[in-house]
Amino acid sequence: GSGQNSNAKICKLVSLGKSTQDRDIWAVKITDKLSKEENEPE
């Protein structure tokens, strides 16, 4: 994702919010254009 290396930047880690005990509920987004909304199914 955001790392400075030669790997394809296709991954983004997002905290959707917190659990009852304040733990992050993580979501991983994987697509070829992370910041662009495309005509493709989610």
ModelCIF file with pLDDT and N, C-alpha, C, O atoms, coordinates in Angstrom:
data_MODEL
#
_entry.id   MODEL 
#
_entity.id                         1 
_entity.type                       polymer 
_entity.pdbx_number_of_molecules   1 
#
_entity_poly.entity_id                      1 
_entity_poly.type                           'polypeptide(L)' 
_entity_poly.nstd_linkage                   no 
_entity_poly.nstd_monomer                   no 
_entity_poly.pdbx_seq_one_letter_code       GSGQNSNAKICKLVSLGKSTQDRDIWAVKITDKLSKEENEPE 
_entity_poly.pdbx_seq_one_letter_code_can   GSGQNSNAKICKLVSLGKSTQDRDIWAVKITDKLSKEENEPE 
_entity_poly.pdbx_strand_id                 A 
#
loop_
_entity_poly_seq.entity_id 
_entity_poly_seq.num 
_entity_poly_seq.mon_id 
_entity_poly_seq.hetero 
1 1  GLY n 
1 2  SER n 
1 3  GLY n 
1 4  GLN n 
1 5  ASN n 
1 6  SER n 
1 7  ASN n 
1 8  ALA n 
1 9  LYS n 
1 10 ILE n 
1 11 CYS n 
1 12 LYS n 
1 13 LEU n 
1 14 VAL n 
1 15 SER n 
1 16 LEU n 
1 17 GLY n 
1 18 LYS n 
1 19 SER n 
1 20 THR n 
1 21 GLN n 
1 22 ASP n 
1 23 ARG n 
1 24 ASP n 
1 25 ILE n 
1 26 TRP n 
1 27 ALA n 
1 28 VAL n 
1 29 LYS n 
1 30 ILE n 
1 31 THR n 
1 32 ASP n 
1 33 LYS n 
1 34 LEU n 
1 35 SER n 
1 36 LYS n 
1 37 GLU n 
1 38 GLU n 
1 39 ASN n 
1 40 GLU n 
1 41 PRO n 
1 42 GLU n 
#
_struct_asym.id          A 
_struct_asym.entity_id   1 
#
loop_
_ma_qa_metric.id 
_ma_qa_metric.mode 
_ma_qa_metric.name 
_ma_qa_metric.software_group_id 
_ma_qa_metric.type 
1 global pLDDT . pLDDT 
2 local  pLDDT . pLDDT 
#
_ma_qa_metric_global.metric_id      1 
_ma_qa_metric_global.metric_value   90.31 
_ma_qa_metric_global.model_id       1 
_ma_qa_metric_global.ordinal_id     1 
#
loop_
_ma_qa_metric_local.label_asym_id 
_ma_qa_metric_local.label_comp_id 
_ma_qa_metric_local.label_seq_id 
_ma_qa_metric_local.metric_id 
_ma_qa_metric_local.metric_value 
_ma_qa_metric_local.model_id 
_ma_qa_metric_local.ordinal_id 
A GLY 1  2 90.00 1 1  
A SER 2  2 66.00 1 2  
A GLY 3  2 55.00 1 3  
A GLN 4  2 53.00 1 4  
A ASN 5  2 54.00 1 5  
A SER 6  2 52.00 1 6  
A ASN 7  2 71.00 1 7  
A ALA 8  2 80.00 1 8  
A LYS 9  2 92.00 1 9  
A ILE 10 2 96.00 1 10 
A CYS 11 2 96.00 1 11 
A LYS 12 2 96.00 1 12 
A LEU 13 2 97.00 1 13 
A VAL 14 2 97.00 1 14 
A SER 15 2 98.00 1 15 
A LEU 16 2 98.00 1 16 
A GLY 17 2 98.00 1 17 
A LYS 18 2 98.00 1 18 
A SER 19 2 98.00 1 19 
A THR 20 2 98.00 1 20 
A GLN 21 2 98.00 1 21 
A ASP 22 2 98.00 1 22 
A ARG 23 2 98.00 1 23 
A ASP 24 2 98.00 1 24 
A ILE 25 2 98.00 1 25 
A TRP 26 2 98.00 1 26 
A ALA 27 2 98.00 1 27 
A VAL 28 2 98.00 1 28 
A LYS 29 2 98.00 1 29 
A ILE 30 2 97.00 1 30 
A THR 31 2 97.00 1 31 
A ASP 32 2 95.00 1 32 
A LYS 33 2 93.00 1 33 
A LEU 34 2 93.00 1 34 
A SER 35 2 90.00 1 35 
A LYS 36 2 91.00 1 36 
A GLU 37 2 90.00 1 37 
A GLU 38 2 94.00 1 38 
A ASN 39 2 95.00 1 39 
A GLU 40 2 97.00 1 40 
A PRO 41 2 98.00 1 41 
A GLU 42 2 98.00 1 42 
#
loop_
_atom_site.group_PDB 
_atom_site.id 
_atom_site.type_symbol 
_atom_site.label_atom_id 
_atom_site.label_alt_id 
_atom_site.label_comp_id 
_atom_site.label_asym_id 
_atom_site.label_entity_id 
_atom_site.label_seq_id 
_atom_site.pdbx_PDB_ins_code 
_atom_site.Cartn_x 
_atom_site.Cartn_y 
_atom_site.Cartn_z 
_atom_site.occupancy 
_atom_site.B_iso_or_equiv 
_atom_site.pdbx_formal_charge 
_atom_site.auth_seq_id 
_atom_site.auth_comp_id 
_atom_site.auth_asym_id 
_atom_site.auth_atom_id 
_atom_site.pdbx_PDB_model_num 
ATOM 1   N N  . GLY A 1 1  ? 0.812   -1.201 0.000   1.00 90.00 ? 1  GLY A N  1 
ATOM 2   C CA . GLY A 1 1  ? 0.000   0.000  0.000   1.00 90.00 ? 1  GLY A CA 1 
ATOM 3   C C  . GLY A 1 1  ? 0.846   1.251  0.000   1.00 90.00 ? 1  GLY A C  1 
ATOM 4   O O  . GLY A 1 1  ? 1.303   1.706  -1.049  1.00 90.00 ? 1  GLY A O  1 
ATOM 5   N N  . SER A 1 2  ? 1.052   1.804  1.178   1.00 66.00 ? 2  SER A N  1 
ATOM 6   C CA . SER A 1 2  ? 1.758   3.079  1.282   1.00 66.00 ? 2  SER A CA 1 
ATOM 7   C C  . SER A 1 2  ? 3.261   2.915  1.449   1.00 66.00 ? 2  SER A C  1 
ATOM 8   O O  . SER A 1 2  ? 3.998   3.901  1.455   1.00 66.00 ? 2  SER A O  1 
ATOM 9   N N  . GLY A 1 3  ? 3.720   1.671  1.585   1.00 55.00 ? 3  GLY A N  1 
ATOM 10  C CA . GLY A 1 3  ? 5.149   1.466  1.777   1.00 55.00 ? 3  GLY A CA 1 
ATOM 11  C C  . GLY A 1 3  ? 5.977   1.912  0.573   1.00 55.00 ? 3  GLY A C  1 
ATOM 12  O O  . GLY A 1 3  ? 5.513   1.852  -0.566  1.00 55.00 ? 3  GLY A O  1 
ATOM 13  N N  . GLN A 1 4  ? 7.195   2.356  0.830   1.00 53.00 ? 4  GLN A N  1 
ATOM 14  C CA . GLN A 1 4  ? 8.064   2.843  -0.241  1.00 53.00 ? 4  GLN A CA 1 
ATOM 15  C C  . GLN A 1 4  ? 8.893   1.678  -0.799  1.00 53.00 ? 4  GLN A C  1 
ATOM 16  O O  . GLN A 1 4  ? 10.071  1.529  -0.477  1.00 53.00 ? 4  GLN A O  1 
ATOM 17  N N  . ASN A 1 5  ? 8.258   0.866  -1.633  1.00 54.00 ? 5  ASN A N  1 
ATOM 18  C CA . ASN A 1 5  ? 8.981   -0.220 -2.285  1.00 54.00 ? 5  ASN A CA 1 
ATOM 19  C C  . ASN A 1 5  ? 8.390   -0.443 -3.664  1.00 54.00 ? 5  ASN A C  1 
ATOM 20  O O  . ASN A 1 5  ? 7.536   0.323  -4.111  1.00 54.00 ? 5  ASN A O  1 
ATOM 21  N N  . SER A 1 6  ? 8.834   -1.474 -4.327  1.00 52.00 ? 6  SER A N  1 
ATOM 22  C CA . SER A 1 6  ? 8.433   -1.680 -5.719  1.00 52.00 ? 6  SER A CA 1 
ATOM 23  C C  . SER A 1 6  ? 7.150   -2.483 -5.867  1.00 52.00 ? 6  SER A C  1 
ATOM 24  O O  . SER A 1 6  ? 6.674   -2.674 -6.986  1.00 52.00 ? 6  SER A O  1 
ATOM 25  N N  . ASN A 1 7  ? 6.578   -2.956 -4.766  1.00 71.00 ? 7  ASN A N  1 
ATOM 26  C CA . ASN A 1 7  ? 5.349   -3.738 -4.858  1.00 71.00 ? 7  ASN A CA 1 
ATOM 27  C C  . ASN A 1 7  ? 4.198   -2.882 -5.371  1.00 71.00 ? 7  ASN A C  1 
ATOM 28  O O  . ASN A 1 7  ? 4.161   -1.673 -5.143  1.00 71.00 ? 7  ASN A O  1 
ATOM 29  N N  . ALA A 1 8  ? 3.264   -3.519 -6.062  1.00 80.00 ? 8  ALA A N  1 
ATOM 30  C CA . ALA A 1 8  ? 2.075   -2.807 -6.542  1.00 80.00 ? 8  ALA A CA 1 
ATOM 31  C C  . ALA A 1 8  ? 1.299   -2.266 -5.352  1.00 80.00 ? 8  ALA A C  1 
ATOM 32  O O  . ALA A 1 8  ? 1.107   -2.967 -4.359  1.00 80.00 ? 8  ALA A O  1 
ATOM 33  N N  . LYS A 1 9  ? 0.854   -1.020 -5.451  1.00 92.00 ? 9  LYS A N  1 
ATOM 34  C CA . LYS A 1 9  ? 0.115   -0.396 -4.354  1.00 92.00 ? 9  LYS A CA 1 
ATOM 35  C C  . LYS A 1 9  ? -1.374  -0.679 -4.543  1.00 92.00 ? 9  LYS A C  1 
ATOM 36  O O  . LYS A 1 9  ? -2.109  0.107  -5.140  1.00 92.00 ? 9  LYS A O  1 
ATOM 37  N N  . ILE A 1 10 ? -1.784  -1.812 -4.022  1.00 96.00 ? 10 ILE A N  1 
ATOM 38  C CA . ILE A 1 10 ? -3.158  -2.281 -4.240  1.00 96.00 ? 10 ILE A CA 1 
ATOM 39  C C  . ILE A 1 10 ? -3.878  -2.572 -2.931  1.00 96.00 ? 10 ILE A C  1 
ATOM 40  O O  . ILE A 1 10 ? -4.976  -3.129 -2.944  1.00 96.00 ? 10 ILE A O  1 
ATOM 41  N N  . CYS A 1 11 ? -3.284  -2.209 -1.807  1.00 96.00 ? 11 CYS A N  1 
ATOM 42  C CA . CYS A 1 11 ? -3.839  -2.590 -0.502  1.00 96.00 ? 11 CYS A CA 1 
ATOM 43  C C  . CYS A 1 11 ? -3.917  -1.387 0.422   1.00 96.00 ? 11 CYS A C  1 
ATOM 44  O O  . CYS A 1 11 ? -2.984  -0.588 0.510   1.00 96.00 ? 11 CYS A O  1 
ATOM 45  N N  . LYS A 1 12 ? -5.045  -1.273 1.108   1.00 96.00 ? 12 LYS A N  1 
ATOM 46  C CA . LYS A 1 12 ? -5.231  -0.203 2.083   1.00 96.00 ? 12 LYS A CA 1 
ATOM 47  C C  . LYS A 1 12 ? -5.875  -0.786 3.329   1.00 96.00 ? 12 LYS A C  1 
ATOM 48  O O  . LYS A 1 12 ? -6.846  -1.537 3.236   1.00 96.00 ? 12 LYS A O  1 
ATOM 49  N N  . LEU A 1 13 ? -5.340  -0.443 4.498   1.00 97.00 ? 13 LEU A N  1 
ATOM 50  C CA . LEU A 1 13 ? -5.883  -0.902 5.774   1.00 97.00 ? 13 LEU A CA 1 
ATOM 51  C C  . LEU A 1 13 ? -6.660  0.233  6.419   1.00 97.00 ? 13 LEU A C  1 
ATOM 52  O O  . LEU A 1 13 ? -6.147  1.342  6.571   1.00 97.00 ? 13 LEU A O  1 
ATOM 53  N N  . VAL A 1 14 ? -7.909  -0.051 6.799   1.00 97.00 ? 14 VAL A N  1 
ATOM 54  C CA . VAL A 1 14 ? -8.803  0.965  7.343   1.00 97.00 ? 14 VAL A CA 1 
ATOM 55  C C  . VAL A 1 14 ? -9.413  0.449  8.645   1.00 97.00 ? 14 VAL A C  1 
ATOM 56  O O  . VAL A 1 14 ? -9.829  -0.707 8.727   1.00 97.00 ? 14 VAL A O  1 
ATOM 57  N N  . SER A 1 15 ? -9.464  1.302  9.648   1.00 98.00 ? 15 SER A N  1 
ATOM 58  C CA . SER A 1 15 ? -10.239 0.984  10.848  1.00 98.00 ? 15 SER A CA 1 
ATOM 59  C C  . SER A 1 15 ? -11.659 1.480  10.625  1.00 98.00 ? 15 SER A C  1 
ATOM 60  O O  . SER A 1 15 ? -11.883 2.678  10.449  1.00 98.00 ? 15 SER A O  1 
ATOM 61  N N  . LEU A 1 16 ? -12.619 0.560  10.634  1.00 98.00 ? 16 LEU A N  1 
ATOM 62  C CA . LEU A 1 16 ? -14.015 0.941  10.413  1.00 98.00 ? 16 LEU A CA 1 
ATOM 63  C C  . LEU A 1 16 ? -14.622 1.583  11.660  1.00 98.00 ? 16 LEU A C  1 
ATOM 64  O O  . LEU A 1 16 ? -15.619 2.299  11.572  1.00 98.00 ? 16 LEU A O  1 
ATOM 65  N N  . GLY A 1 17 ? -14.024 1.326  12.807  1.00 98.00 ? 17 GLY A N  1 
ATOM 66  C CA . GLY A 1 17 ? -14.543 1.822  14.074  1.00 98.00 ? 17 GLY A CA 1 
ATOM 67  C C  . GLY A 1 17 ? -14.040 0.931  15.196  1.00 98.00 ? 17 GLY A C  1 
ATOM 68  O O  . GLY A 1 17 ? -13.154 0.101  14.992  1.00 98.00 ? 17 GLY A O  1 
ATOM 69  N N  . LYS A 1 18 ? -14.602 1.106  16.366  1.00 98.00 ? 18 LYS A N  1 
ATOM 70  C CA . LYS A 1 18 ? -14.114 0.424  17.554  1.00 98.00 ? 18 LYS A CA 1 
ATOM 71  C C  . LYS A 1 18 ? -15.127 -0.586 18.085  1.00 98.00 ? 18 LYS A C  1 
ATOM 72  O O  . LYS A 1 18 ? -16.338 -0.411 17.953  1.00 98.00 ? 18 LYS A O  1 
ATOM 73  N N  . SER A 1 19 ? -14.597 -1.643 18.687  1.00 98.00 ? 19 SER A N  1 
ATOM 74  C CA . SER A 1 19 ? -15.425 -2.629 19.373  1.00 98.00 ? 19 SER A CA 1 
ATOM 75  C C  . SER A 1 19 ? -15.854 -2.085 20.723  1.00 98.00 ? 19 SER A C  1 
ATOM 76  O O  . SER A 1 19 ? -15.486 -0.971 21.095  1.00 98.00 ? 19 SER A O  1 
ATOM 77  N N  . THR A 1 20 ? -16.629 -2.866 21.455  1.00 98.00 ? 20 THR A N  1 
ATOM 78  C CA . THR A 1 20 ? -17.082 -2.462 22.784  1.00 98.00 ? 20 THR A CA 1 
ATOM 79  C C  . THR A 1 20 ? -15.910 -2.158 23.699  1.00 98.00 ? 20 THR A C  1 
ATOM 80  O O  . THR A 1 20 ? -15.971 -1.225 24.499  1.00 98.00 ? 20 THR A O  1 
ATOM 81  N N  . GLN A 1 21 ? -14.837 -2.942 23.588  1.00 98.00 ? 21 GLN A N  1 
ATOM 82  C CA . GLN A 1 21 ? -13.650 -2.736 24.416  1.00 98.00 ? 21 GLN A CA 1 
ATOM 83  C C  . GLN A 1 21 ? -12.575 -1.918 23.703  1.00 98.00 ? 21 GLN A C  1 
ATOM 84  O O  . GLN A 1 21 ? -11.394 -1.994 24.044  1.00 98.00 ? 21 GLN A O  1 
ATOM 85  N N  . ASP A 1 22 ? -12.994 -1.144 22.721  1.00 98.00 ? 22 ASP A N  1 
ATOM 86  C CA . ASP A 1 22 ? -12.129 -0.157 22.071  1.00 98.00 ? 22 ASP A CA 1 
ATOM 87  C C  . ASP A 1 22 ? -11.032 -0.780 21.207  1.00 98.00 ? 22 ASP A C  1 
ATOM 88  O O  . ASP A 1 22 ? -9.959  -0.194 21.061  1.00 98.00 ? 22 ASP A O  1 
ATOM 89  N N  . ARG A 1 23 ? -11.280 -1.939 20.643  1.00 98.00 ? 23 ARG A N  1 
ATOM 90  C CA . ARG A 1 23 ? -10.355 -2.513 19.668  1.00 98.00 ? 23 ARG A CA 1 
ATOM 91  C C  . ARG A 1 23 ? -10.805 -2.114 18.260  1.00 98.00 ? 23 ARG A C  1 
ATOM 92  O O  . ARG A 1 23 ? -12.001 -1.988 17.996  1.00 98.00 ? 23 ARG A O  1 
ATOM 93  N N  . ASP A 1 24 ? -9.848  -1.920 17.373  1.00 98.00 ? 24 ASP A N  1 
ATOM 94  C CA . ASP A 1 24 ? -10.171 -1.569 15.991  1.00 98.00 ? 24 ASP A CA 1 
ATOM 95  C C  . ASP A 1 24 ? -10.816 -2.745 15.267  1.00 98.00 ? 24 ASP A C  1 
ATOM 96  O O  . ASP A 1 24 ? -10.392 -3.891 15.421  1.00 98.00 ? 24 ASP A O  1 
ATOM 97  N N  . ILE A 1 25 ? -11.841 -2.449 14.478  1.00 98.00 ? 25 ILE A N  1 
ATOM 98  C CA . ILE A 1 25 ? -12.416 -3.431 13.561  1.00 98.00 ? 25 ILE A CA 1 
ATOM 99  C C  . ILE A 1 25 ? -11.809 -3.120 12.197  1.00 98.00 ? 25 ILE A C  1 
ATOM 100 O O  . ILE A 1 25 ? -12.205 -2.168 11.525  1.00 98.00 ? 25 ILE A O  1 
ATOM 101 N N  . TRP A 1 26 ? -10.845 -3.940 11.806  1.00 98.00 ? 26 TRP A N  1 
ATOM 102 C CA . TRP A 1 26 ? -10.049 -3.663 10.612  1.00 98.00 ? 26 TRP A CA 1 
ATOM 103 C C  . TRP A 1 26 ? -10.733 -4.133 9.334   1.00 98.00 ? 26 TRP A C  1 
ATOM 104 O O  . TRP A 1 26 ? -11.412 -5.160 9.311   1.00 98.00 ? 26 TRP A O  1 
ATOM 105 N N  . ALA A 1 27 ? -10.539 -3.360 8.279   1.00 98.00 ? 27 ALA A N  1 
ATOM 106 C CA . ALA A 1 27 ? -10.975 -3.751 6.939   1.00 98.00 ? 27 ALA A CA 1 
ATOM 107 C C  . ALA A 1 27 ? -9.815  -3.541 5.978   1.00 98.00 ? 27 ALA A C  1 
ATOM 108 O O  . ALA A 1 27 ? -9.130  -2.520 6.033   1.00 98.00 ? 27 ALA A O  1 
ATOM 109 N N  . VAL A 1 28 ? -9.601  -4.497 5.112   1.00 98.00 ? 28 VAL A N  1 
ATOM 110 C CA . VAL A 1 28 ? -8.566  -4.405 4.087   1.00 98.00 ? 28 VAL A CA 1 
ATOM 111 C C  . VAL A 1 28 ? -9.249  -4.183 2.740   1.00 98.00 ? 28 VAL A C  1 
ATOM 112 O O  . VAL A 1 28 ? -10.118 -4.956 2.336   1.00 98.00 ? 28 VAL A O  1 
ATOM 113 N N  . LYS A 1 29 ? -8.847  -3.125 2.060   1.00 98.00 ? 29 LYS A N  1 
ATOM 114 C CA . LYS A 1 29 ? -9.352  -2.844 0.712   1.00 98.00 ? 29 LYS A CA 1 
ATOM 115 C C  . LYS A 1 29 ? -8.268  -3.226 -0.287  1.00 98.00 ? 29 LYS A C  1 
ATOM 116 O O  . LYS A 1 29 ? -7.120  -2.797 -0.166  1.00 98.00 ? 29 LYS A O  1 
ATOM 117 N N  . ILE A 1 30 ? -8.645  -4.046 -1.286  1.00 97.00 ? 30 ILE A N  1 
ATOM 118 C CA . ILE A 1 30 ? -7.695  -4.484 -2.303  1.00 97.00 ? 30 ILE A CA 1 
ATOM 119 C C  . ILE A 1 30 ? -8.296  -4.227 -3.684  1.00 97.00 ? 30 ILE A C  1 
ATOM 120 O O  . ILE A 1 30 ? -9.335  -4.788 -4.034  1.00 97.00 ? 30 ILE A O  1 
ATOM 121 N N  . THR A 1 31 ? -7.642  -3.390 -4.445  1.00 97.00 ? 31 THR A N  1 
ATOM 122 C CA . THR A 1 31 ? -8.054  -3.096 -5.818  1.00 97.00 ? 31 THR A CA 1 
ATOM 123 C C  . THR A 1 31 ? -6.904  -2.380 -6.499  1.00 97.00 ? 31 THR A C  1 
ATOM 124 O O  . THR A 1 31 ? -5.960  -1.946 -5.837  1.00 97.00 ? 31 THR A O  1 
ATOM 125 N N  . ASP A 1 32 ? -6.976  -2.252 -7.824  1.00 95.00 ? 32 ASP A N  1 
ATOM 126 C CA . ASP A 1 32 ? -5.817  -1.703 -8.532  1.00 95.00 ? 32 ASP A CA 1 
ATOM 127 C C  . ASP A 1 32 ? -5.733  -0.183 -8.445  1.00 95.00 ? 32 ASP A C  1 
ATOM 128 O O  . ASP A 1 32 ? -4.648  0.378  -8.601  1.00 95.00 ? 32 ASP A O  1 
ATOM 129 N N  . LYS A 1 33 ? -6.843  0.490  -8.201  1.00 93.00 ? 33 LYS A N  1 
ATOM 130 C CA . LYS A 1 33 ? -6.840  1.952  -8.088  1.00 93.00 ? 33 LYS A CA 1 
ATOM 131 C C  . LYS A 1 33 ? -7.498  2.321  -6.761  1.00 93.00 ? 33 LYS A C  1 
ATOM 132 O O  . LYS A 1 33 ? -8.705  2.550  -6.690  1.00 93.00 ? 33 LYS A O  1 
ATOM 133 N N  . LEU A 1 34 ? -6.688  2.373  -5.726  1.00 93.00 ? 34 LEU A N  1 
ATOM 134 C CA . LEU A 1 34 ? -7.201  2.507  -4.364  1.00 93.00 ? 34 LEU A CA 1 
ATOM 135 C C  . LEU A 1 34 ? -7.961  3.798  -4.134  1.00 93.00 ? 34 LEU A C  1 
ATOM 136 O O  . LEU A 1 34 ? -8.914  3.811  -3.354  1.00 93.00 ? 34 LEU A O  1 
ATOM 137 N N  . SER A 1 35 ? -7.575  4.873  -4.782  1.00 90.00 ? 35 SER A N  1 
ATOM 138 C CA . SER A 1 35 ? -8.191  6.175  -4.508  1.00 90.00 ? 35 SER A CA 1 
ATOM 139 C C  . SER A 1 35 ? -9.212  6.587  -5.558  1.00 90.00 ? 35 SER A C  1 
ATOM 140 O O  . SER A 1 35 ? -9.752  7.691  -5.488  1.00 90.00 ? 35 SER A O  1 
ATOM 141 N N  . LYS A 1 36 ? -9.484  5.733  -6.519  1.00 91.00 ? 36 LYS A N  1 
ATOM 142 C CA . LYS A 1 36 ? -10.405 6.081  -7.596  1.00 91.00 ? 36 LYS A CA 1 
ATOM 143 C C  . LYS A 1 36 ? -11.653 5.203  -7.545  1.00 91.00 ? 36 LYS A C  1 
ATOM 144 O O  . LYS A 1 36 ? -11.567 3.986  -7.379  1.00 91.00 ? 36 LYS A O  1 
ATOM 145 N N  . GLU A 1 37 ? -12.808 5.838  -7.692  1.00 90.00 ? 37 GLU A N  1 
ATOM 146 C CA . GLU A 1 37 ? -14.061 5.086  -7.746  1.00 90.00 ? 37 GLU A CA 1 
ATOM 147 C C  . GLU A 1 37 ? -14.300 4.661  -9.193  1.00 90.00 ? 37 GLU A C  1 
ATOM 148 O O  . GLU A 1 37 ? -14.389 5.498  -10.091 1.00 90.00 ? 37 GLU A O  1 
ATOM 149 N N  . GLU A 1 38 ? -14.401 3.364  -9.404  1.00 94.00 ? 38 GLU A N  1 
ATOM 150 C CA . GLU A 1 38 ? -14.507 2.833  -10.764 1.00 94.00 ? 38 GLU A CA 1 
ATOM 151 C C  . GLU A 1 38 ? -15.856 2.153  -10.989 1.00 94.00 ? 38 GLU A C  1 
ATOM 152 O O  . GLU A 1 38 ? -16.592 1.855  -10.049 1.00 94.00 ? 38 GLU A O  1 
ATOM 153 N N  . ASN A 1 39 ? -16.149 1.922  -12.245 1.00 95.00 ? 39 ASN A N  1 
ATOM 154 C CA . ASN A 1 39 ? -17.340 1.166  -12.617 1.00 95.00 ? 39 ASN A CA 1 
ATOM 155 C C  . ASN A 1 39 ? -17.034 -0.316 -12.467 1.00 95.00 ? 39 ASN A C  1 
ATOM 156 O O  . ASN A 1 39 ? -16.783 -1.020 -13.444 1.00 95.00 ? 39 ASN A O  1 
ATOM 157 N N  . GLU A 1 40 ? -17.059 -0.769 -11.225 1.00 97.00 ? 40 GLU A N  1 
ATOM 158 C CA . GLU A 1 40 ? -16.774 -2.171 -10.940 1.00 97.00 ? 40 GLU A CA 1 
ATOM 159 C C  . GLU A 1 40 ? -17.519 -2.572 -9.668  1.00 97.00 ? 40 GLU A C  1 
ATOM 160 O O  . GLU A 1 40 ? -17.781 -1.726 -8.813  1.00 97.00 ? 40 GLU A O  1 
ATOM 161 N N  . PRO A 1 41 ? -17.861 -3.848 -9.537  1.00 98.00 ? 41 PRO A N  1 
ATOM 162 C CA . PRO A 1 41 ? -18.612 -4.288 -8.352  1.00 98.00 ? 41 PRO A CA 1 
ATOM 163 C C  . PRO A 1 41 ? -17.771 -4.232 -7.094  1.00 98.00 ? 41 PRO A C  1 
ATOM 164 O O  . PRO A 1 41 ? -16.556 -4.426 -7.127  1.00 98.00 ? 41 PRO A O  1 
ATOM 165 N N  . GLU A 1 42 ? -18.444 -3.960 -5.975  1.00 98.00 ? 42 GLU A N  1 
ATOM 166 C CA . GLU A 1 42 ? -17.808 -3.987 -4.664  1.00 98.00 ? 42 GLU A CA 1 
ATOM 167 C C  . GLU A 1 42 ? -18.154 -5.318 -4.001  1.00 98.00 ? 42 GLU A C  1 
ATOM 168 O O  . GLU A 1 42 ? -17.727 -5.577 -2.876  1.00 98.00 ? 42 GLU A O  1 
#
